[in-house]
């Protein structure tokens, strides 16, 4: 079962902390989203494997945009 990781607010991707194929645990930080001059960590909702990363560093994203897919 795939899980979409989405942006909780509009902002800019400051850093991507994982790569495709990485194993992650619930609450691991995946992406740092810069919004409102703050760095907001986006964390894994559950254990899984990074299947696809749909954004790059410095990309601007909108609320609910899919950033990454976990499997």
PDB file of N, CA and C in Angstrom:
ATOM      1  N   UNK A   1       0.844  -1.188   0.000  1.00  0.00           N
ATOM      2  CA  UNK A   1       0.000   0.000   0.000  1.00  0.00           C
ATOM      3  C   UNK A   1       0.884   1.245   0.000  1.00  0.00           C
ATOM      4  N   UNK A   2       0.612   2.153  -0.903  1.00  0.00           N
ATOM      5  CA  UNK A   2       1.394   3.381  -1.000  1.00  0.00           C
ATOM      6  C   UNK A   2       0.789   4.477  -0.134  1.00  0.00           C
ATOM      7  N   UNK A   3       1.669   5.338   0.389  1.00  0.00           N
ATOM      8  CA  UNK A   3       1.245   6.477   1.193  1.00  0.00           C
ATOM      9  C   UNK A   3       1.815   7.735   0.557  1.00  0.00           C
ATOM     10  N   UNK A   4       0.940   8.690   0.226  1.00  0.00           N
ATOM     11  CA  UNK A   4       1.391   9.971  -0.317  1.00  0.00           C
ATOM     12  C   UNK A   4       1.810  10.889   0.821  1.00  0.00           C
ATOM     13  N   UNK A   5       2.979  11.485   0.698  1.00  0.00           N
ATOM     14  CA  UNK A   5       3.442  12.503   1.649  1.00  0.00           C
ATOM     15  C   UNK A   5       3.153  13.844   0.981  1.00  0.00           C
ATOM     16  N   UNK A   6       2.324  14.671   1.602  1.00  0.00           N
ATOM     17  CA  UNK A   6       1.908  15.935   0.995  1.00  0.00           C
ATOM     18  C   UNK A   6       2.385  17.131   1.808  1.00  0.00           C
ATOM     19  N   UNK A   7       2.425  18.267   1.139  1.00  0.00           N
ATOM     20  CA  UNK A   7       2.823  19.511   1.794  1.00  0.00           C
ATOM     21  C   UNK A   7       1.671  20.024   2.651  1.00  0.00           C
ATOM     22  N   UNK A   8       1.928  20.329   3.930  1.00  0.00           N
ATOM     23  CA  UNK A   8       0.861  20.828   4.799  1.00  0.00           C
ATOM     24  C   UNK A   8       0.555  22.306   4.553  1.00  0.00           C
ATOM     25  N   UNK A   9       1.449  22.995   3.831  1.00  0.00           N
ATOM     26  CA  UNK A   9       1.285  24.428   3.566  1.00  0.00           C
ATOM     27  C   UNK A   9       2.143  24.779   2.353  1.00  0.00           C
ATOM     28  N   UNK A  10       1.891  25.915   1.718  1.00  0.00           N
ATOM     29  CA  UNK A  10       2.763  26.312   0.608  1.00  0.00           C
ATOM     30  C   UNK A  10       4.136  26.709   1.127  1.00  0.00           C
ATOM     31  N   UNK A  11       5.159  26.484   0.310  1.00  0.00           N
ATOM     32  CA  UNK A  11       6.509  26.834   0.731  1.00  0.00           C
ATOM     33  C   UNK A  11       7.525  26.403  -0.301  1.00  0.00           C
ATOM     34  N   UNK A  12       8.778  26.330   0.128  1.00  0.00           N
ATOM     35  CA  UNK A  12       9.900  25.950  -0.731  1.00  0.00           C
ATOM     36  C   UNK A  12      10.617  24.764  -0.109  1.00  0.00           C
ATOM     37  N   UNK A  13      10.980  23.791  -0.930  1.00  0.00           N
ATOM     38  CA  UNK A  13      11.726  22.628  -0.440  1.00  0.00           C
ATOM     39  C   UNK A  13      13.148  23.083  -0.113  1.00  0.00           C
ATOM     40  N   UNK A  14      13.506  23.062   1.162  1.00  0.00           N
ATOM     41  CA  UNK A  14      14.841  23.487   1.597  1.00  0.00           C
ATOM     42  C   UNK A  14      15.839  22.341   1.497  1.00  0.00           C
ATOM     43  N   UNK A  15      15.381  21.129   1.836  1.00  0.00           N
ATOM     44  CA  UNK A  15      16.297  19.990   1.850  1.00  0.00           C
ATOM     45  C   UNK A  15      15.508  18.692   1.752  1.00  0.00           C
ATOM     46  N   UNK A  16      16.042  17.740   0.993  1.00  0.00           N
ATOM     47  CA  UNK A  16      15.474  16.392   0.928  1.00  0.00           C
ATOM     48  C   UNK A  16      16.442  15.486   1.674  1.00  0.00           C
ATOM     49  N   UNK A  17      15.955  14.821   2.700  1.00  0.00           N
ATOM     50  CA  UNK A  17      16.816  14.080   3.624  1.00  0.00           C
ATOM     51  C   UNK A  17      16.937  12.593   3.307  1.00  0.00           C
ATOM     52  N   UNK A  18      16.157  12.101   2.337  1.00  0.00           N
ATOM     53  CA  UNK A  18      16.170  10.672   1.988  1.00  0.00           C
ATOM     54  C   UNK A  18      16.321  10.524   0.478  1.00  0.00           C
ATOM     55  N   UNK A  19      16.574   9.292   0.048  1.00  0.00           N
ATOM     56  CA  UNK A  19      16.679   8.965  -1.370  1.00  0.00           C
ATOM     57  C   UNK A  19      15.740   7.811  -1.685  1.00  0.00           C
ATOM     58  N   UNK A  20      15.410   7.655  -2.957  1.00  0.00           N
ATOM     59  CA  UNK A  20      14.570   6.528  -3.382  1.00  0.00           C
ATOM     60  C   UNK A  20      15.239   5.234  -2.942  1.00  0.00           C
ATOM     61  N   UNK A  21      14.445   4.345  -2.354  1.00  0.00           N
ATOM     62  CA  UNK A  21      14.956   3.057  -1.881  1.00  0.00           C
ATOM     63  C   UNK A  21      15.291   3.042  -0.401  1.00  0.00           C
ATOM     64  N   UNK A  22      15.382   4.217   0.225  1.00  0.00           N
ATOM     65  CA  UNK A  22      15.693   4.273   1.661  1.00  0.00           C
ATOM     66  C   UNK A  22      14.544   3.709   2.491  1.00  0.00           C
ATOM     67  N   UNK A  23      14.895   2.983   3.542  1.00  0.00           N
ATOM     68  CA  UNK A  23      13.917   2.506   4.522  1.00  0.00           C
ATOM     69  C   UNK A  23      13.726   3.621   5.556  1.00  0.00           C
ATOM     70  N   UNK A  24      12.484   3.937   5.881  1.00  0.00           N
ATOM     71  CA  UNK A  24      12.212   4.962   6.889  1.00  0.00           C
ATOM     72  C   UNK A  24      11.270   4.402   7.949  1.00  0.00           C
ATOM     73  N   UNK A  25      11.360   4.977   9.137  1.00  0.00           N
ATOM     74  CA  UNK A  25      10.478   4.597  10.238  1.00  0.00           C
ATOM     75  C   UNK A  25       9.509   5.737  10.499  1.00  0.00           C
ATOM     76  N   UNK A  26       8.397   5.422  11.138  1.00  0.00           N
ATOM     77  CA  UNK A  26       7.424   6.453  11.497  1.00  0.00           C
ATOM     78  C   UNK A  26       8.128   7.569  12.253  1.00  0.00           C
ATOM     79  N   UNK A  27       7.804   8.800  11.916  1.00  0.00           N
ATOM     80  CA  UNK A  27       8.345  10.018  12.535  1.00  0.00           C
ATOM     81  C   UNK A  27       9.761  10.370  12.089  1.00  0.00           C
ATOM     82  N   UNK A  28      10.356   9.622  11.148  1.00  0.00           N
ATOM     83  CA  UNK A  28      11.642  10.039  10.565  1.00  0.00           C
ATOM     84  C   UNK A  28      11.401  11.282   9.710  1.00  0.00           C
ATOM     85  N   UNK A  29      12.343  12.228   9.757  1.00  0.00           N
ATOM     86  CA  UNK A  29      12.236  13.414   8.915  1.00  0.00           C
ATOM     87  C   UNK A  29      12.604  13.043   7.480  1.00  0.00           C
ATOM     88  N   UNK A  30      11.763  13.495   6.531  1.00  0.00           N
ATOM     89  CA  UNK A  30      11.956  13.177   5.121  1.00  0.00           C
ATOM     90  C   UNK A  30      12.391  14.401   4.319  1.00  0.00           C
ATOM     91  N   UNK A  31      11.724  15.497   4.583  1.00  0.00           N
ATOM     92  CA  UNK A  31      11.922  16.733   3.820  1.00  0.00           C
ATOM     93  C   UNK A  31      11.845  17.913   4.781  1.00  0.00           C
ATOM     94  N   UNK A  32      12.640  18.948   4.502  1.00  0.00           N
ATOM     95  CA  UNK A  32      12.519  20.209   5.228  1.00  0.00           C
ATOM     96  C   UNK A  32      11.823  21.196   4.296  1.00  0.00           C
ATOM     97  N   UNK A  33      10.670  21.698   4.721  1.00  0.00           N
ATOM     98  CA  UNK A  33       9.882  22.652   3.952  1.00  0.00           C
ATOM     99  C   UNK A  33      10.022  24.023   4.599  1.00  0.00           C
ATOM    100  N   UNK A  34      10.517  24.983   3.833  1.00  0.00           N
ATOM    101  CA  UNK A  34      10.644  26.338   4.358  1.00  0.00           C
ATOM    102  C   UNK A  34       9.361  27.097   4.033  1.00  0.00           C
ATOM    103  N   UNK A  35       8.704  27.586   5.075  1.00  0.00           N
ATOM    104  CA  UNK A  35       7.465  28.340   4.907  1.00  0.00           C
ATOM    105  C   UNK A  35       7.393  29.383   6.018  1.00  0.00           C
ATOM    106  N   UNK A  36       6.986  30.567   5.670  1.00  0.00           N
ATOM    107  CA  UNK A  36       6.867  31.660   6.645  1.00  0.00           C
ATOM    108  C   UNK A  36       8.172  31.874   7.402  1.00  0.00           C
ATOM    109  N   UNK A  37       9.296  31.773   6.674  1.00  0.00           N
ATOM    110  CA  UNK A  37      10.648  31.973   7.222  1.00  0.00           C
ATOM    111  C   UNK A  37      11.007  30.984   8.330  1.00  0.00           C
ATOM    112  N   UNK A  38      10.321  29.844   8.341  1.00  0.00           N
ATOM    113  CA  UNK A  38      10.620  28.781   9.306  1.00  0.00           C
ATOM    114  C   UNK A  38      10.889  27.492   8.539  1.00  0.00           C
ATOM    115  N   UNK A  39      11.747  26.644   9.113  1.00  0.00           N
ATOM    116  CA  UNK A  39      11.981  25.333   8.532  1.00  0.00           C
ATOM    117  C   UNK A  39      11.065  24.326   9.214  1.00  0.00           C
ATOM    118  N   UNK A  40      10.214  23.686   8.417  1.00  0.00           N
ATOM    119  CA  UNK A  40       9.230  22.738   8.935  1.00  0.00           C
ATOM    120  C   UNK A  40       9.569  21.330   8.457  1.00  0.00           C
ATOM    121  N   UNK A  41       9.893  20.423   9.389  1.00  0.00           N
ATOM    122  CA  UNK A  41      10.186  19.053   8.954  1.00  0.00           C
ATOM    123  C   UNK A  41       8.906  18.318   8.546  1.00  0.00           C
ATOM    124  N   UNK A  42       8.985  17.605   7.433  1.00  0.00           N
ATOM    125  CA  UNK A  42       7.897  16.728   6.997  1.00  0.00           C
ATOM    126  C   UNK A  42       8.342  15.317   7.379  1.00  0.00           C
ATOM    127  N   UNK A  43       7.527  14.633   8.187  1.00  0.00           N
ATOM    128  CA  UNK A  43       7.931  13.327   8.724  1.00  0.00           C
ATOM    129  C   UNK A  43       7.099  12.193   8.130  1.00  0.00           C
ATOM    130  N   UNK A  44       7.658  11.004   8.203  1.00  0.00           N
ATOM    131  CA  UNK A  44       6.966   9.806   7.718  1.00  0.00           C
ATOM    132  C   UNK A  44       5.808   9.467   8.662  1.00  0.00           C
ATOM    133  N   UNK A  45       4.617   9.224   8.109  1.00  0.00           N
ATOM    134  CA  UNK A  45       3.472   8.850   8.950  1.00  0.00           C
ATOM    135  C   UNK A  45       3.535   7.398   9.422  1.00  0.00           C
ATOM    136  N   UNK A  46       4.349   6.588   8.737  1.00  0.00           N
ATOM    137  CA  UNK A  46       4.443   5.157   9.068  1.00  0.00           C
ATOM    138  C   UNK A  46       5.771   4.620   8.540  1.00  0.00           C
ATOM    139  N   UNK A  47       6.124   3.407   8.944  1.00  0.00           N
ATOM    140  CA  UNK A  47       7.313   2.749   8.413  1.00  0.00           C
ATOM    141  C   UNK A  47       7.102   2.464   6.922  1.00  0.00           C
ATOM    142  N   UNK A  48       8.189   2.483   6.167  1.00  0.00           N
ATOM    143  CA  UNK A  48       8.060   2.153   4.756  1.00  0.00           C
ATOM    144  C   UNK A  48       9.354   2.366   4.005  1.00  0.00           C
ATOM    145  N   UNK A  49       9.250   2.291   2.686  1.00  0.00           N
ATOM    146  CA  UNK A  49      10.378   2.498   1.778  1.00  0.00           C
ATOM    147  C   UNK A  49      10.029   3.659   0.858  1.00  0.00           C
ATOM    148  N   UNK A  50      11.001   4.535   0.622  1.00  0.00           N
ATOM    149  CA  UNK A  50      10.774   5.659  -0.288  1.00  0.00           C
ATOM    150  C   UNK A  50      10.674   5.099  -1.708  1.00  0.00           C
ATOM    151  N   UNK A  51       9.495   5.236  -2.311  1.00  0.00           N
ATOM    152  CA  UNK A  51       9.249   4.703  -3.656  1.00  0.00           C
ATOM    153  C   UNK A  51       9.543   5.761  -4.720  1.00  0.00           C
ATOM    154  N   UNK A  52       9.140   7.014  -4.461  1.00  0.00           N
ATOM    155  CA  UNK A  52       9.299   8.061  -5.468  1.00  0.00           C
ATOM    156  C   UNK A  52       9.381   9.417  -4.780  1.00  0.00           C
ATOM    157  N   UNK A  53      10.254  10.277  -5.278  1.00  0.00           N
ATOM    158  CA  UNK A  53      10.357  11.656  -4.794  1.00  0.00           C
ATOM    159  C   UNK A  53       9.923  12.547  -5.946  1.00  0.00           C
ATOM    160  N   UNK A  54       8.875  13.342  -5.735  1.00  0.00           N
ATOM    161  CA  UNK A  54       8.257  14.110  -6.806  1.00  0.00           C
ATOM    162  C   UNK A  54       8.696  15.568  -6.850  1.00  0.00           C
ATOM    163  N   UNK A  55       9.601  15.982  -5.960  1.00  0.00           N
ATOM    164  CA  UNK A  55      10.062  17.374  -5.916  1.00  0.00           C
ATOM    165  C   UNK A  55      11.584  17.407  -5.815  1.00  0.00           C
ATOM    166  N   UNK A  56      12.140  18.564  -6.048  1.00  0.00           N
ATOM    167  CA  UNK A  56      13.568  18.772  -5.898  1.00  0.00           C
ATOM    168  C   UNK A  56      13.816  19.928  -4.937  1.00  0.00           C
ATOM    169  N   UNK A  57      15.046  20.036  -4.460  1.00  0.00           N
ATOM    170  CA  UNK A  57      15.382  21.138  -3.569  1.00  0.00           C
ATOM    171  C   UNK A  57      15.187  22.459  -4.299  1.00  0.00           C
ATOM    172  N   UNK A  58      14.678  23.439  -3.581  1.00  0.00           N
ATOM    173  CA  UNK A  58      14.369  24.787  -4.071  1.00  0.00           C
ATOM    174  C   UNK A  58      13.067  24.859  -4.867  1.00  0.00           C
ATOM    175  N   UNK A  59      12.358  23.722  -5.048  1.00  0.00           N
ATOM    176  CA  UNK A  59      11.053  23.752  -5.717  1.00  0.00           C
ATOM    177  C   UNK A  59      10.038  24.460  -4.829  1.00  0.00           C
ATOM    178  N   UNK A  60       9.154  25.221  -5.440  1.00  0.00           N
ATOM    179  CA  UNK A  60       8.033  25.828  -4.726  1.00  0.00           C
ATOM    180  C   UNK A  60       6.879  24.836  -4.783  1.00  0.00           C
ATOM    181  N   UNK A  61       6.194  24.648  -3.650  1.00  0.00           N
ATOM    182  CA  UNK A  61       5.094  23.689  -3.584  1.00  0.00           C
ATOM    183  C   UNK A  61       3.849  24.343  -3.003  1.00  0.00           C
ATOM    184  N   UNK A  62       2.703  23.761  -3.325  1.00  0.00           N
ATOM    185  CA  UNK A  62       1.415  24.240  -2.825  1.00  0.00           C
ATOM    186  C   UNK A  62       0.896  23.300  -1.742  1.00  0.00           C
ATOM    187  N   UNK A  63      -0.065  23.776  -0.976  1.00  0.00           N
ATOM    188  CA  UNK A  63      -0.726  22.947   0.031  1.00  0.00           C
ATOM    189  C   UNK A  63      -1.296  21.698  -0.624  1.00  0.00           C
ATOM    190  N   UNK A  64      -1.094  20.557   0.010  1.00  0.00           N
ATOM    191  CA  UNK A  64      -1.581  19.241  -0.433  1.00  0.00           C
ATOM    192  C   UNK A  64      -0.897  18.708  -1.690  1.00  0.00           C
ATOM    193  N   UNK A  65       0.149  19.356  -2.165  1.00  0.00           N
ATOM    194  CA  UNK A  65       0.912  18.813  -3.294  1.00  0.00           C
ATOM    195  C   UNK A  65       1.677  17.572  -2.819  1.00  0.00           C
ATOM    196  N   UNK A  66       1.662  16.521  -3.635  1.00  0.00           N
ATOM    197  CA  UNK A  66       2.383  15.292  -3.292  1.00  0.00           C
ATOM    198  C   UNK A  66       3.881  15.534  -3.442  1.00  0.00           C
ATOM    199  N   UNK A  67       4.616  15.290  -2.356  1.00  0.00           N
ATOM    200  CA  UNK A  67       6.059  15.493  -2.333  1.00  0.00           C
ATOM    201  C   UNK A  67       6.812  14.187  -2.557  1.00  0.00           C
ATOM    202  N   UNK A  68       6.238  13.110  -2.020  1.00  0.00           N
ATOM    203  CA  UNK A  68       6.951  11.843  -1.985  1.00  0.00           C
ATOM    204  C   UNK A  68       5.930  10.720  -1.818  1.00  0.00           C
ATOM    205  N   UNK A  69       6.290   9.528  -2.276  1.00  0.00           N
ATOM    206  CA  UNK A  69       5.430   8.355  -2.092  1.00  0.00           C
ATOM    207  C   UNK A  69       6.221   7.301  -1.321  1.00  0.00           C
ATOM    208  N   UNK A  70       5.621   6.797  -0.249  1.00  0.00           N
ATOM    209  CA  UNK A  70       6.198   5.691   0.521  1.00  0.00           C
ATOM    210  C   UNK A  70       5.435   4.426   0.175  1.00  0.00           C
ATOM    211  N   UNK A  71       6.136   3.299   0.252  1.00  0.00           N
ATOM    212  CA  UNK A  71       5.517   2.012  -0.055  1.00  0.00           C
ATOM    213  C   UNK A  71       5.638   1.110   1.138  1.00  0.00           C
TER     214      UNK A  71
END
